[in-house]
């Protein structure tokens, strides 16, 4: 029996759980995040002045998901917009509404404007969730530069 999903802002004591999930998220997308990346992103999250923020989702008292998000600006509306840079649910947390709860929580924090994100074309499992909670756009994403 599940006690339900709760979402809250990431806190300093969440570092180990967040880091493990962030590394797993990278593996899911074929990336190997080294300490320089995980330490760098974590430093952003712990800096109240930095624009990148994070929420974690708990299921039965365990952190099973996170989203890293940031405020940006929309030139089509001359107003705020929000971008989910990363969204991940651990395999044992899937099917419990974790991603839906995280997206909704960012939506509640948004002070107007749209919340946008991208996912891999072959991530059909996540797309089933996203298709339920948001509008699929026709925009195509391009990237310039190397990682």
C-alpha atoms as a PDB file:
ATOM      1  CA  UNK A   1       0.000   0.000   0.000  1.00  0.00           C
ATOM      2  CA  UNK A   2       1.378   3.381  -0.969  1.00  0.00           C
ATOM      3  CA  UNK A   3       1.161   6.500   1.127  1.00  0.00           C
ATOM      4  CA  UNK A   4       1.052   8.630  -2.022  1.00  0.00           C
ATOM      5  CA  UNK A   5       3.476  10.974  -3.683  1.00  0.00           C
ATOM      6  CA  UNK A   6       4.621  14.177  -2.037  1.00  0.00           C
ATOM      7  CA  UNK A   7       6.721  16.859  -3.721  1.00  0.00           C
ATOM      8  CA  UNK A   8       8.963  19.396  -2.040  1.00  0.00           C
ATOM      9  CA  UNK A   9      11.945  21.595  -2.750  1.00  0.00           C
ATOM     10  CA  UNK A  10      15.290  19.828  -2.693  1.00  0.00           C
ATOM     11  CA  UNK A  11      17.259  20.317   0.531  1.00  0.00           C
ATOM     12  CA  UNK A  12      20.905  19.914   1.513  1.00  0.00           C
ATOM     13  CA  UNK A  13      20.222  16.547   3.173  1.00  0.00           C
ATOM     14  CA  UNK A  14      18.950  15.196  -0.186  1.00  0.00           C
ATOM     15  CA  UNK A  15      22.340  15.312  -1.877  1.00  0.00           C
ATOM     16  CA  UNK A  16      23.037  11.553  -1.930  1.00  0.00           C
ATOM     17  CA  UNK A  17      19.540  10.645  -3.148  1.00  0.00           C
ATOM     18  CA  UNK A  18      19.406  13.451  -5.727  1.00  0.00           C
ATOM     19  CA  UNK A  19      22.920  12.637  -6.991  1.00  0.00           C
ATOM     20  CA  UNK A  20      22.129   8.935  -7.408  1.00  0.00           C
ATOM     21  CA  UNK A  21      18.939   9.745  -9.338  1.00  0.00           C
ATOM     22  CA  UNK A  22      20.722  12.398 -11.436  1.00  0.00           C
ATOM     23  CA  UNK A  23      23.438   9.910 -12.411  1.00  0.00           C
ATOM     24  CA  UNK A  24      20.780   7.294 -13.257  1.00  0.00           C
ATOM     25  CA  UNK A  25      18.977   9.921 -15.360  1.00  0.00           C
ATOM     26  CA  UNK A  26      22.193  10.507 -17.287  1.00  0.00           C
ATOM     27  CA  UNK A  27      22.641   6.764 -17.852  1.00  0.00           C
ATOM     28  CA  UNK A  28      19.045   6.560 -19.102  1.00  0.00           C
ATOM     29  CA  UNK A  29      19.978   9.071 -21.819  1.00  0.00           C
ATOM     30  CA  UNK A  30      23.390   7.536 -22.554  1.00  0.00           C
ATOM     31  CA  UNK A  31      25.368  10.167 -20.633  1.00  0.00           C
ATOM     32  CA  UNK A  32      27.947   9.553 -17.949  1.00  0.00           C
ATOM     33  CA  UNK A  33      27.843  12.451 -15.502  1.00  0.00           C
ATOM     34  CA  UNK A  34      31.122  12.805 -13.668  1.00  0.00           C
ATOM     35  CA  UNK A  35      31.630  14.467 -10.325  1.00  0.00           C
ATOM     36  CA  UNK A  36      32.307  17.776 -12.070  1.00  0.00           C
ATOM     37  CA  UNK A  37      28.779  17.768 -13.502  1.00  0.00           C
ATOM     38  CA  UNK A  38      26.935  16.441 -10.450  1.00  0.00           C
ATOM     39  CA  UNK A  39      28.883  18.738  -8.107  1.00  0.00           C
ATOM     40  CA  UNK A  40      28.330  21.699 -10.422  1.00  0.00           C
ATOM     41  CA  UNK A  41      24.581  21.206 -10.739  1.00  0.00           C
ATOM     42  CA  UNK A  42      24.266  20.512  -7.019  1.00  0.00           C
ATOM     43  CA  UNK A  43      26.070  23.797  -6.282  1.00  0.00           C
ATOM     44  CA  UNK A  44      23.519  25.599  -8.466  1.00  0.00           C
ATOM     45  CA  UNK A  45      20.648  23.967  -6.597  1.00  0.00           C
ATOM     46  CA  UNK A  46      22.047  24.971  -3.211  1.00  0.00           C
ATOM     47  CA  UNK A  47      22.646  28.585  -4.297  1.00  0.00           C
ATOM     48  CA  UNK A  48      19.447  30.550  -3.607  1.00  0.00           C
ATOM     49  CA  UNK A  49      20.488  33.169  -6.179  1.00  0.00           C
ATOM     50  CA  UNK A  50      20.909  30.656  -9.023  1.00  0.00           C
ATOM     51  CA  UNK A  51      18.057  30.280 -11.506  1.00  0.00           C
ATOM     52  CA  UNK A  52      18.158  26.466 -11.637  1.00  0.00           C
ATOM     53  CA  UNK A  53      15.968  24.979  -8.915  1.00  0.00           C
ATOM     54  CA  UNK A  54      14.909  21.438  -8.062  1.00  0.00           C
ATOM     55  CA  UNK A  55      12.000  19.566  -6.606  1.00  0.00           C
ATOM     56  CA  UNK A  56      12.087  16.013  -5.315  1.00  0.00           C
ATOM     57  CA  UNK A  57       9.252  13.533  -5.128  1.00  0.00           C
ATOM     58  CA  UNK A  58       8.884  11.145  -2.243  1.00  0.00           C
ATOM     59  CA  UNK A  59       6.932   7.919  -2.232  1.00  0.00           C
ATOM     60  CA  UNK A  60       6.493   6.205   1.121  1.00  0.00           C
ATOM     61  CA  UNK A  61       9.221   8.433   2.576  1.00  0.00           C
ATOM     62  CA  UNK A  62      11.819   7.667  -0.117  1.00  0.00           C
ATOM     63  CA  UNK A  63      12.996  10.103  -2.790  1.00  0.00           C
ATOM     64  CA  UNK A  64      12.112   8.444  -6.093  1.00  0.00           C
ATOM     65  CA  UNK A  65      12.118  11.349  -8.537  1.00  0.00           C
ATOM     66  CA  UNK A  66      13.271  14.868  -9.226  1.00  0.00           C
ATOM     67  CA  UNK A  67      12.965  17.727 -11.640  1.00  0.00           C
ATOM     68  CA  UNK A  68      15.499  20.480 -12.243  1.00  0.00           C
ATOM     69  CA  UNK A  69      13.782  23.543 -13.654  1.00  0.00           C
ATOM     70  CA  UNK A  70      14.400  27.208 -14.294  1.00  0.00           C
ATOM     71  CA  UNK A  71      12.630  30.409 -15.069  1.00  0.00           C
ATOM     72  CA  UNK A  72      13.224  31.894 -18.473  1.00  0.00           C
ATOM     73  CA  UNK A  73      11.535  34.558 -20.597  1.00  0.00           C
ATOM     74  CA  UNK A  74       9.089  34.186 -23.475  1.00  0.00           C
ATOM     75  CA  UNK A  75       9.485  36.713 -26.277  1.00  0.00           C
ATOM     76  CA  UNK A  76       6.096  35.727 -27.733  1.00  0.00           C
ATOM     77  CA  UNK A  77       4.344  37.023 -24.610  1.00  0.00           C
ATOM     78  CA  UNK A  78       6.969  39.342 -23.071  1.00  0.00           C
ATOM     79  CA  UNK A  79       6.446  37.379 -19.893  1.00  0.00           C
ATOM     80  CA  UNK A  80       7.843  34.559 -17.810  1.00  0.00           C
ATOM     81  CA  UNK A  81       8.200  30.996 -18.963  1.00  0.00           C
ATOM     82  CA  UNK A  82       9.511  27.887 -17.212  1.00  0.00           C
ATOM     83  CA  UNK A  83      11.693  25.112 -18.561  1.00  0.00           C
ATOM     84  CA  UNK A  84      12.089  21.630 -17.097  1.00  0.00           C
ATOM     85  CA  UNK A  85      15.714  20.801 -17.804  1.00  0.00           C
ATOM     86  CA  UNK A  86      15.536  17.350 -16.237  1.00  0.00           C
ATOM     87  CA  UNK A  87      12.743  15.098 -15.040  1.00  0.00           C
ATOM     88  CA  UNK A  88      13.352  11.583 -13.786  1.00  0.00           C
ATOM     89  CA  UNK A  89      11.574   8.879 -11.842  1.00  0.00           C
ATOM     90  CA  UNK A  90      13.424   5.841 -10.519  1.00  0.00           C
ATOM     91  CA  UNK A  91      12.140   2.555 -11.963  1.00  0.00           C
ATOM     92  CA  UNK A  92      10.619   1.502  -8.628  1.00  0.00           C
ATOM     93  CA  UNK A  93       8.714   4.799  -8.461  1.00  0.00           C
ATOM     94  CA  UNK A  94       7.153   4.612 -11.907  1.00  0.00           C
ATOM     95  CA  UNK A  95       3.433   4.093 -12.233  1.00  0.00           C
ATOM     96  CA  UNK A  96       2.660   6.013  -9.037  1.00  0.00           C
ATOM     97  CA  UNK A  97       2.149   9.484 -10.517  1.00  0.00           C
ATOM     98  CA  UNK A  98       5.600  10.810  -9.634  1.00  0.00           C
ATOM     99  CA  UNK A  99       6.252  12.595 -12.948  1.00  0.00           C
ATOM    100  CA  UNK A 100       2.719  13.974 -12.998  1.00  0.00           C
ATOM    101  CA  UNK A 101       3.136  15.319  -9.454  1.00  0.00           C
ATOM    102  CA  UNK A 102       6.493  16.913 -10.257  1.00  0.00           C
ATOM    103  CA  UNK A 103       5.142  18.614 -13.389  1.00  0.00           C
ATOM    104  CA  UNK A 104       2.089  19.855 -11.496  1.00  0.00           C
ATOM    105  CA  UNK A 105       4.292  21.238  -8.717  1.00  0.00           C
ATOM    106  CA  UNK A 106       6.376  23.239 -11.188  1.00  0.00           C
ATOM    107  CA  UNK A 107       3.134  24.476 -12.741  1.00  0.00           C
ATOM    108  CA  UNK A 108       1.989  25.656  -9.309  1.00  0.00           C
ATOM    109  CA  UNK A 109       5.293  27.463  -8.712  1.00  0.00           C
ATOM    110  CA  UNK A 110       5.177  29.166 -12.109  1.00  0.00           C
ATOM    111  CA  UNK A 111       4.018  32.733 -11.752  1.00  0.00           C
ATOM    112  CA  UNK A 112       2.345  32.759 -15.122  1.00  0.00           C
ATOM    113  CA  UNK A 113       3.688  31.674 -18.462  1.00  0.00           C
ATOM    114  CA  UNK A 114       4.127  28.268 -19.955  1.00  0.00           C
ATOM    115  CA  UNK A 115       6.076  25.326 -18.606  1.00  0.00           C
ATOM    116  CA  UNK A 116       8.012  23.553 -21.362  1.00  0.00           C
ATOM    117  CA  UNK A 117      10.298  20.546 -21.646  1.00  0.00           C
ATOM    118  CA  UNK A 118      11.732  18.175 -24.196  1.00  0.00           C
ATOM    119  CA  UNK A 119      12.234  14.444 -24.232  1.00  0.00           C
ATOM    120  CA  UNK A 120      13.894  11.955 -26.523  1.00  0.00           C
ATOM    121  CA  UNK A 121      11.794  10.844 -29.479  1.00  0.00           C
ATOM    122  CA  UNK A 122      12.086   7.212 -28.356  1.00  0.00           C
ATOM    123  CA  UNK A 123      11.073   7.872 -24.738  1.00  0.00           C
ATOM    124  CA  UNK A 124       7.529   6.706 -25.402  1.00  0.00           C
ATOM    125  CA  UNK A 125       6.826   5.734 -21.795  1.00  0.00           C
ATOM    126  CA  UNK A 126       7.358   9.303 -20.614  1.00  0.00           C
ATOM    127  CA  UNK A 127       5.482  10.657 -23.616  1.00  0.00           C
ATOM    128  CA  UNK A 128       2.355   8.771 -22.544  1.00  0.00           C
ATOM    129  CA  UNK A 129       2.453  10.727 -19.274  1.00  0.00           C
ATOM    130  CA  UNK A 130       3.284  14.010 -20.986  1.00  0.00           C
ATOM    131  CA  UNK A 131       0.477  13.568 -23.515  1.00  0.00           C
ATOM    132  CA  UNK A 132      -1.973  13.293 -20.598  1.00  0.00           C
ATOM    133  CA  UNK A 133      -0.795  16.396 -18.740  1.00  0.00           C
ATOM    134  CA  UNK A 134       0.365  18.778 -21.466  1.00  0.00           C
ATOM    135  CA  UNK A 135       0.045  19.740 -25.109  1.00  0.00           C
ATOM    136  CA  UNK A 136       2.509  18.176 -27.535  1.00  0.00           C
ATOM    137  CA  UNK A 137       3.915  20.911 -29.741  1.00  0.00           C
ATOM    138  CA  UNK A 138       5.154  20.766 -33.304  1.00  0.00           C
ATOM    139  CA  UNK A 139       8.430  22.548 -32.530  1.00  0.00           C
ATOM    140  CA  UNK A 140      11.656  20.802 -33.531  1.00  0.00           C
ATOM    141  CA  UNK A 141      14.724  21.167 -31.319  1.00  0.00           C
ATOM    142  CA  UNK A 142      18.225  21.870 -32.639  1.00  0.00           C
ATOM    143  CA  UNK A 143      21.526  21.942 -30.815  1.00  0.00           C
ATOM    144  CA  UNK A 144      24.727  23.790 -31.687  1.00  0.00           C
ATOM    145  CA  UNK A 145      27.983  22.837 -30.066  1.00  0.00           C
ATOM    146  CA  UNK A 146      29.643  19.870 -28.501  1.00  0.00           C
ATOM    147  CA  UNK A 147      29.328  18.299 -25.100  1.00  0.00           C
END
